[in-house]
C-alpha atoms as a PDB file:
ATOM      1  CA  MET A   1     -11.033 -23.738 -11.064  1.00  0.00           C
ATOM      2  CA  THR A   2     -12.549 -26.976 -12.293  1.00  0.00           C
ATOM      3  CA  ARG A   3     -10.614 -29.383 -10.078  1.00  0.00           C
ATOM      4  CA  LYS A   4     -12.005 -27.815  -6.878  1.00  0.00           C
ATOM      5  CA  VAL A   5     -15.543 -27.851  -8.220  1.00  0.00           C
ATOM      6  CA  ASP A   6     -15.314 -31.298  -9.791  1.00  0.00           C
ATOM      7  CA  LYS A   7     -14.687 -32.778  -6.338  1.00  0.00           C
ATOM      8  CA  LEU A   8     -18.097 -31.488  -5.241  1.00  0.00           C
ATOM      9  CA  TYR A   9     -20.027 -33.498  -7.780  1.00  0.00           C
ATOM     10  CA  LEU A  10     -17.594 -36.187  -8.950  1.00  0.00           C
ATOM     11  CA  GLY A  11     -15.732 -36.835  -5.700  1.00  0.00           C
ATOM     12  CA  SER A  12     -15.236 -40.115  -3.912  1.00  0.00           C
ATOM     13  CA  GLY A  13     -18.481 -41.782  -2.886  1.00  0.00           C
ATOM     14  CA  LEU A  14     -20.623 -39.563  -5.080  1.00  0.00           C
ATOM     15  CA  GLY A  15     -22.994 -41.101  -7.560  1.00  0.00           C
ATOM     16  CA  ASN A  16     -25.730 -39.740  -9.746  1.00  0.00           C
ATOM     17  CA  GLU A  17     -28.191 -39.999  -6.863  1.00  0.00           C
ATOM     18  CA  ASN A  18     -26.339 -37.668  -4.462  1.00  0.00           C
ATOM     19  CA  ARG A  19     -24.275 -35.507  -6.805  1.00  0.00           C
ATOM     20  CA  PHE A  20     -26.524 -32.442  -6.801  1.00  0.00           C
ATOM     21  CA  PHE A  21     -27.184 -32.659  -3.052  1.00  0.00           C
ATOM     22  CA  ASN A  22     -23.451 -32.525  -2.347  1.00  0.00           C
ATOM     23  CA  PHE A  23     -23.070 -29.536  -4.636  1.00  0.00           C
ATOM     24  CA  MET A  24     -25.892 -27.754  -2.786  1.00  0.00           C
ATOM     25  CA  ASP A  25     -24.223 -28.413   0.568  1.00  0.00           C
ATOM     26  CA  HIS A  26     -20.927 -26.837  -0.517  1.00  0.00           C
ATOM     27  CA  ALA A  27     -21.981 -24.143  -3.006  1.00  0.00           C
ATOM     28  CA  GLN A  28     -21.392 -21.312  -0.530  1.00  0.00           C
ATOM     29  CA  LEU A  29     -17.638 -22.079  -0.621  1.00  0.00           C
ATOM     30  CA  LEU A  30     -17.356 -21.313  -4.324  1.00  0.00           C
ATOM     31  CA  THR A  31     -16.618 -18.141  -6.214  1.00  0.00           C
ATOM     32  CA  ASP A  32     -19.295 -17.013  -8.649  1.00  0.00           C
ATOM     33  CA  LYS A  33     -17.494 -18.499 -11.672  1.00  0.00           C
ATOM     34  CA  GLU A  34     -16.929 -21.792  -9.842  1.00  0.00           C
ATOM     35  CA  PHE A  35     -20.558 -21.848  -8.735  1.00  0.00           C
ATOM     36  CA  TRP A  36     -21.990 -21.513 -12.249  1.00  0.00           C
ATOM     37  CA  TYR A  37     -19.623 -24.087 -13.704  1.00  0.00           C
ATOM     38  CA  GLY A  38     -20.410 -26.508 -10.872  1.00  0.00           C
ATOM     39  CA  PHE A  39     -24.147 -25.863 -10.989  1.00  0.00           C
ATOM     40  CA  SER A  40     -24.246 -26.650 -14.696  1.00  0.00           C
ATOM     41  CA  GLU A  41     -22.172 -29.809 -14.325  1.00  0.00           C
ATOM     42  CA  ALA A  42     -23.957 -31.100 -11.221  1.00  0.00           C
ATOM     43  CA  TYR A  43     -27.416 -30.358 -12.601  1.00  0.00           C
ATOM     44  CA  THR A  44     -26.860 -32.026 -15.957  1.00  0.00           C
ATOM     45  CA  SER A  45     -25.132 -35.100 -14.515  1.00  0.00           C
ATOM     46  CA  ALA A  46     -27.382 -35.816 -11.516  1.00  0.00           C
ATOM     47  CA  ASP A  47     -30.298 -38.234 -11.420  1.00  0.00           C
ATOM     48  CA  ALA A  48     -31.865 -37.093  -8.159  1.00  0.00           C
ATOM     49  CA  PHE A  49     -32.914 -33.695  -6.849  1.00  0.00           C
ATOM     50  CA  PRO A  50     -34.531 -32.420  -3.664  1.00  0.00           C
ATOM     51  CA  PRO A  51     -38.309 -31.973  -3.488  1.00  0.00           C
ATOM     52  CA  LYS A  52     -39.543 -29.114  -5.664  1.00  0.00           C
ATOM     53  CA  GLY A  53     -40.175 -26.647  -2.805  1.00  0.00           C
ATOM     54  CA  GLU A  54     -36.787 -27.242  -1.233  1.00  0.00           C
ATOM     55  CA  LEU A  55     -35.021 -26.912  -4.572  1.00  0.00           C
ATOM     56  CA  LEU A  56     -36.840 -23.671  -5.412  1.00  0.00           C
ATOM     57  CA  ASP A  57     -35.944 -22.181  -2.007  1.00  0.00           C
ATOM     58  CA  TRP A  58     -32.293 -23.117  -2.508  1.00  0.00           C
ATOM     59  CA  LEU A  59     -32.282 -21.640  -6.005  1.00  0.00           C
ATOM     60  CA  ARG A  60     -33.759 -18.346  -4.747  1.00  0.00           C
ATOM     61  CA  GLU A  61     -31.128 -18.140  -2.015  1.00  0.00           C
ATOM     62  CA  ASN A  62     -28.190 -18.961  -4.275  1.00  0.00           C
ATOM     63  CA  LEU A  63     -28.820 -17.670  -7.780  1.00  0.00           C
ATOM     64  CA  ASP A  64     -29.870 -14.039  -7.547  1.00  0.00           C
ATOM     65  CA  PHE A  65     -26.746 -12.544  -6.015  1.00  0.00           C
ATOM     66  CA  ARG A  66     -24.267 -14.500  -8.142  1.00  0.00           C
ATOM     67  CA  GLY A  67     -22.375 -12.711 -10.882  1.00  0.00           C
ATOM     68  CA  TYR A  68     -20.956 -14.250 -14.059  1.00  0.00           C
ATOM     69  CA  LYS A  69     -24.222 -16.046 -14.867  1.00  0.00           C
ATOM     70  CA  HIS A  70     -22.990 -16.635 -18.422  1.00  0.00           C
ATOM     71  CA  PHE A  71     -20.550 -19.205 -16.970  1.00  0.00           C
ATOM     72  CA  ILE A  72     -23.441 -21.659 -16.727  1.00  0.00           C
ATOM     73  CA  MET A  73     -22.656 -22.211 -20.425  1.00  0.00           C
ATOM     74  CA  THR A  74     -19.411 -23.588 -21.761  1.00  0.00           C
ATOM     75  CA  ALA A  75     -17.177 -21.360 -23.881  1.00  0.00           C
ATOM     76  CA  ASN A  76     -18.387 -23.239 -26.964  1.00  0.00           C
ATOM     77  CA  GLU A  77     -22.032 -22.696 -26.022  1.00  0.00           C
ATOM     78  CA  ARG A  78     -21.417 -18.956 -25.471  1.00  0.00           C
ATOM     79  CA  TRP A  79     -19.674 -18.743 -28.857  1.00  0.00           C
ATOM     80  CA  TYR A  80     -22.575 -20.501 -30.568  1.00  0.00           C
ATOM     81  CA  LEU A  81     -25.131 -18.255 -28.838  1.00  0.00           C
ATOM     82  CA  LYS A  82     -23.323 -15.142 -30.112  1.00  0.00           C
ATOM     83  CA  LYS A  83     -23.514 -16.502 -33.656  1.00  0.00           C
ATOM     84  CA  LEU A  84     -27.305 -16.908 -33.552  1.00  0.00           C
ATOM     85  CA  PRO A  85     -29.434 -14.187 -35.138  1.00  0.00           C
ATOM     86  CA  LYS A  86     -30.974 -11.614 -32.810  1.00  0.00           C
ATOM     87  CA  LYS A  87     -34.470 -12.602 -33.900  1.00  0.00           C
ATOM     88  CA  ILE A  88     -35.594 -16.196 -34.340  1.00  0.00           C
ATOM     89  CA  ILE A  89     -38.954 -17.171 -35.762  1.00  0.00           C
ATOM     90  CA  ALA A  90     -40.385 -20.368 -34.279  1.00  0.00           C
ATOM     91  CA  TYR A  91     -43.357 -22.121 -35.811  1.00  0.00           C
ATOM     92  CA  ARG A  92     -45.649 -24.296 -33.776  1.00  0.00           C
ATOM     93  CA  GLY A  93     -47.011 -27.383 -35.435  1.00  0.00           C
ATOM     94  CA  MET A  94     -50.223 -29.238 -34.795  1.00  0.00           C
ATOM     95  CA  SER A  95     -51.766 -32.415 -36.087  1.00  0.00           C
ATOM     96  CA  VAL A  96     -55.456 -33.197 -36.200  1.00  0.00           C
END
């Protein structure tokens, strides 16, 4: 699975500035599992993204119907998430 997807964001001629754009252009060719893996990798390794409105439109068109959303996390991240307590108390600090 990963080799096919890796070419979309790490392929020849791709740098940090066009990595996510290339993924966007080819995302429709991917299975749901491939899409979430690739989305996570391309998003976290890219330095440039489309303008906010264009990105939001693309996200609406591509995220809602995809299954296997948990594949946006690595197996290790999913394992760690399962180990967390169901309820977490967060305190907000403030200095005067």
